Amino acid sequence: MDTKEYERLTTLYLDCIYKVAINSCKNYADAEDVVQNTFMKLLGQENNFVDDDHARKWLIRVAMNECNSLWRSPWKKRTTSLEELPQEPVFSTPEKSNLYYAVKELPLKYRQLVHLYYYEDYSVKEIAEIMKLSETAVQTRLLRARQKIKEKLKET
């Protein structure tokens, strides 16, 4: 990959990949490592992408794989993170705050789907391609995620 194309893709998708990493890792240091590893793999990528959307999907998939690798590492299995997010976001209404915390408490497999579907505006078909799942599995997980969020919101 040439330098200009790498810089263009990095500038274009850095925020998106960082959001995906933060969503999966739940702490800034690990998310930054995931983003760095993702873009290092992009630098080593020899095949050209069909279009920007193809590059975005590839980067998201690589970032998710990096997050999964991070959680499988022996270091993460033996340590407990004492580091919390330095500050919690401020919301304009209590409903938005409750929704944020309900999504944050979802298991990773649901939280990733919710993020891609609602925040990144991917279709079920596109998510299925990115996550290497069937469309039915994506729809089922989204349904279960919505049910879990609904239960949490009823509690509050």
Protein backbone atom coordinates (compact mmCIF):
# COMPACT_ATOMS: atom_id res chain seq x y z
CA MET A 1 0.00 0.00 0.00
CA ASP A 2 1.37 3.38 -0.92
CA THR A 3 1.87 6.10 1.67
CA LYS A 4 -0.75 8.50 0.30
CA GLU A 5 -3.48 5.85 0.31
CA TYR A 6 -2.50 4.76 3.83
CA GLU A 7 -2.63 8.34 5.12
CA ARG A 8 -6.00 8.92 3.43
CA LEU A 9 -7.55 5.78 4.93
CA THR A 10 -6.04 6.49 8.34
CA THR A 11 -7.44 10.02 8.37
CA LEU A 12 -10.81 8.84 7.11
CA TYR A 13 -11.35 5.92 9.51
CA LEU A 14 -9.29 6.61 12.62
CA ASP A 15 -12.27 7.83 14.65
CA CYS A 16 -14.49 4.96 13.54
CA ILE A 17 -11.91 2.32 14.46
CA TYR A 18 -11.18 4.01 17.78
CA LYS A 19 -14.90 3.94 18.65
CA VAL A 20 -15.11 0.25 17.80
CA ALA A 21 -12.03 -0.43 19.95
CA ILE A 22 -13.27 1.61 22.93
CA ASN A 23 -16.61 -0.16 22.70
CA SER A 24 -14.93 -3.56 22.88
CA CYS A 25 -12.02 -2.89 25.22
CA LYS A 26 -13.69 -0.51 27.67
CA ASN A 27 -10.45 1.30 28.43
CA TYR A 28 -8.45 3.84 26.53
CA ALA A 29 -5.00 2.24 26.71
CA ASP A 30 -6.14 -1.09 25.26
CA ALA A 31 -8.24 0.67 22.62
CA GLU A 32 -5.23 2.70 21.51
CA ASP A 33 -3.17 -0.51 21.23
CA VAL A 34 -5.91 -2.11 19.13
CA VAL A 35 -6.08 0.93 16.83
CA GLN A 36 -2.32 0.95 16.43
CA ASN A 37 -2.21 -2.77 15.60
CA THR A 38 -5.11 -2.38 13.17
CA PHE A 39 -3.41 0.38 11.24
CA MET A 40 -0.09 -1.45 11.28
CA LYS A 41 -1.87 -4.34 9.55
CA LEU A 42 -3.34 -1.87 7.07
CA LEU A 43 0.18 -0.65 6.30
CA GLY A 44 1.22 -4.22 5.53
CA GLN A 45 -1.88 -4.88 3.42
CA GLU A 46 -0.80 -5.64 -0.15
CA ASN A 47 -4.22 -6.02 -1.76
CA ASN A 48 -6.02 -2.88 -2.82
CA PHE A 49 -9.55 -2.32 -1.64
CA VAL A 50 -12.44 -2.16 -4.08
CA ASP A 51 -13.76 1.05 -2.53
CA ASP A 52 -13.75 2.98 0.75
CA ASP A 53 -16.61 0.93 2.16
CA HIS A 54 -14.61 -2.26 1.59
CA ALA A 55 -11.65 -0.69 3.42
CA ARG A 56 -13.90 0.38 6.31
CA LYS A 57 -15.36 -3.11 6.70
CA TRP A 58 -11.89 -4.64 6.56
CA LEU A 59 -10.57 -2.24 9.21
CA ILE A 60 -13.53 -2.88 11.53
CA ARG A 61 -13.10 -6.64 11.17
CA VAL A 62 -9.36 -6.39 11.91
CA ALA A 63 -10.06 -4.16 14.94
CA MET A 64 -12.58 -6.65 16.29
CA ASN A 65 -10.12 -9.49 15.79
CA GLU A 66 -7.47 -7.48 17.62
CA CYS A 67 -9.87 -6.90 20.52
CA ASN A 68 -10.66 -10.59 20.66
CA SER A 69 -6.95 -11.43 20.63
CA LEU A 70 -6.39 -8.97 23.44
CA TRP A 71 -9.03 -10.64 25.60
CA ARG A 72 -7.62 -14.10 24.86
CA SER A 73 -4.09 -13.15 25.87
CA PRO A 74 -2.73 -14.74 29.06
CA TRP A 75 -1.98 -11.31 30.48
CA LYS A 76 -5.63 -10.23 30.34
CA LYS A 77 -6.80 -13.54 31.76
CA ARG A 78 -4.61 -13.19 34.84
CA THR A 79 -5.06 -9.52 35.57
CA THR A 80 -7.96 -7.38 36.64
CA SER A 81 -8.20 -3.88 35.32
CA LEU A 82 -8.14 -1.27 38.05
CA GLU A 83 -8.28 1.44 35.49
CA GLU A 84 -11.69 2.93 34.91
CA LEU A 85 -12.68 5.42 32.30
CA PRO A 86 -11.45 8.75 33.64
CA GLN A 87 -14.79 10.44 33.19
CA GLU A 88 -18.28 9.34 32.40
CA PRO A 89 -20.16 11.08 29.62
CA VAL A 90 -22.69 13.75 30.48
CA PHE A 91 -26.20 13.30 29.11
CA SER A 92 -28.93 15.83 28.48
CA THR A 93 -31.69 13.58 29.82
CA PRO A 94 -31.86 10.69 32.29
CA GLU A 95 -33.30 8.47 29.53
CA LYS A 96 -30.16 8.84 27.44
CA SER A 97 -28.00 8.10 30.46
CA ASN A 98 -30.00 4.98 31.29
CA LEU A 99 -29.78 3.80 27.68
CA TYR A 100 -26.01 4.34 27.62
CA TYR A 101 -25.50 2.26 30.76
CA ALA A 102 -27.88 -0.46 29.56
CA VAL A 103 -25.89 -0.82 26.33
CA LYS A 104 -22.59 -0.67 28.21
CA GLU A 105 -23.66 -3.62 30.40
CA LEU A 106 -24.47 -5.87 27.43
CA PRO A 107 -22.16 -8.80 26.71
CA LEU A 108 -19.53 -8.02 24.08
CA LYS A 109 -21.18 -9.98 21.26
CA TYR A 110 -24.36 -7.91 21.64
CA ARG A 111 -22.63 -4.61 22.33
CA GLN A 112 -20.60 -4.85 19.11
CA LEU A 113 -23.71 -5.51 17.03
CA VAL A 114 -25.64 -2.67 18.65
CA HIS A 115 -22.73 -0.33 17.97
CA LEU A 116 -22.43 -1.31 14.31
CA TYR A 117 -26.18 -1.22 13.70
CA TYR A 118 -27.21 1.93 15.56
CA TYR A 119 -24.06 4.06 15.67
CA GLU A 120 -22.24 3.09 12.47
CA ASP A 121 -25.49 2.62 10.46
CA TYR A 122 -24.60 -0.75 8.98
CA SER A 123 -27.36 -2.98 7.66
CA VAL A 124 -27.89 -6.50 8.98
CA LYS A 125 -26.37 -7.89 5.78
CA GLU A 126 -23.24 -5.74 6.12
CA ILE A 127 -22.85 -6.66 9.79
CA ALA A 128 -23.16 -10.33 8.87
CA GLU A 129 -20.30 -9.90 6.39
CA ILE A 130 -18.12 -8.00 8.87
CA MET A 131 -18.74 -10.37 11.78
CA LYS A 132 -18.73 -13.50 9.59
CA LEU A 133 -22.15 -14.54 10.85
CA SER A 134 -25.36 -15.39 9.08
CA GLU A 135 -27.94 -12.65 8.67
CA THR A 136 -30.30 -14.67 10.85
CA ALA A 137 -27.71 -14.81 13.64
CA VAL A 138 -27.24 -11.05 13.47
CA GLN A 139 -30.99 -10.45 13.59
CA THR A 140 -31.35 -12.84 16.53
CA ARG A 141 -28.53 -11.20 18.46
CA LEU A 142 -29.95 -7.74 17.78
CA LEU A 143 -33.34 -8.92 19.02
CA ARG A 144 -31.80 -10.37 22.18
CA ALA A 145 -29.77 -7.21 22.73
CA ARG A 146 -32.92 -5.09 22.44
CA GLN A 147 -34.70 -7.37 24.91
CA LYS A 148 -31.84 -7.12 27.40
CA ILE A 149 -31.78 -3.33 27.04
CA LYS A 150 -35.55 -3.20 27.52
CA GLU A 151 -35.28 -5.29 30.70
CA LYS A 152 -32.54 -3.03 32.08
CA LEU A 153 -34.55 0.08 31.30
CA LYS A 154 -37.63 -1.36 33.02
CA GLU A 155 -35.55 -1.92 36.16
CA THR A 156 -34.56 1.74 36.22
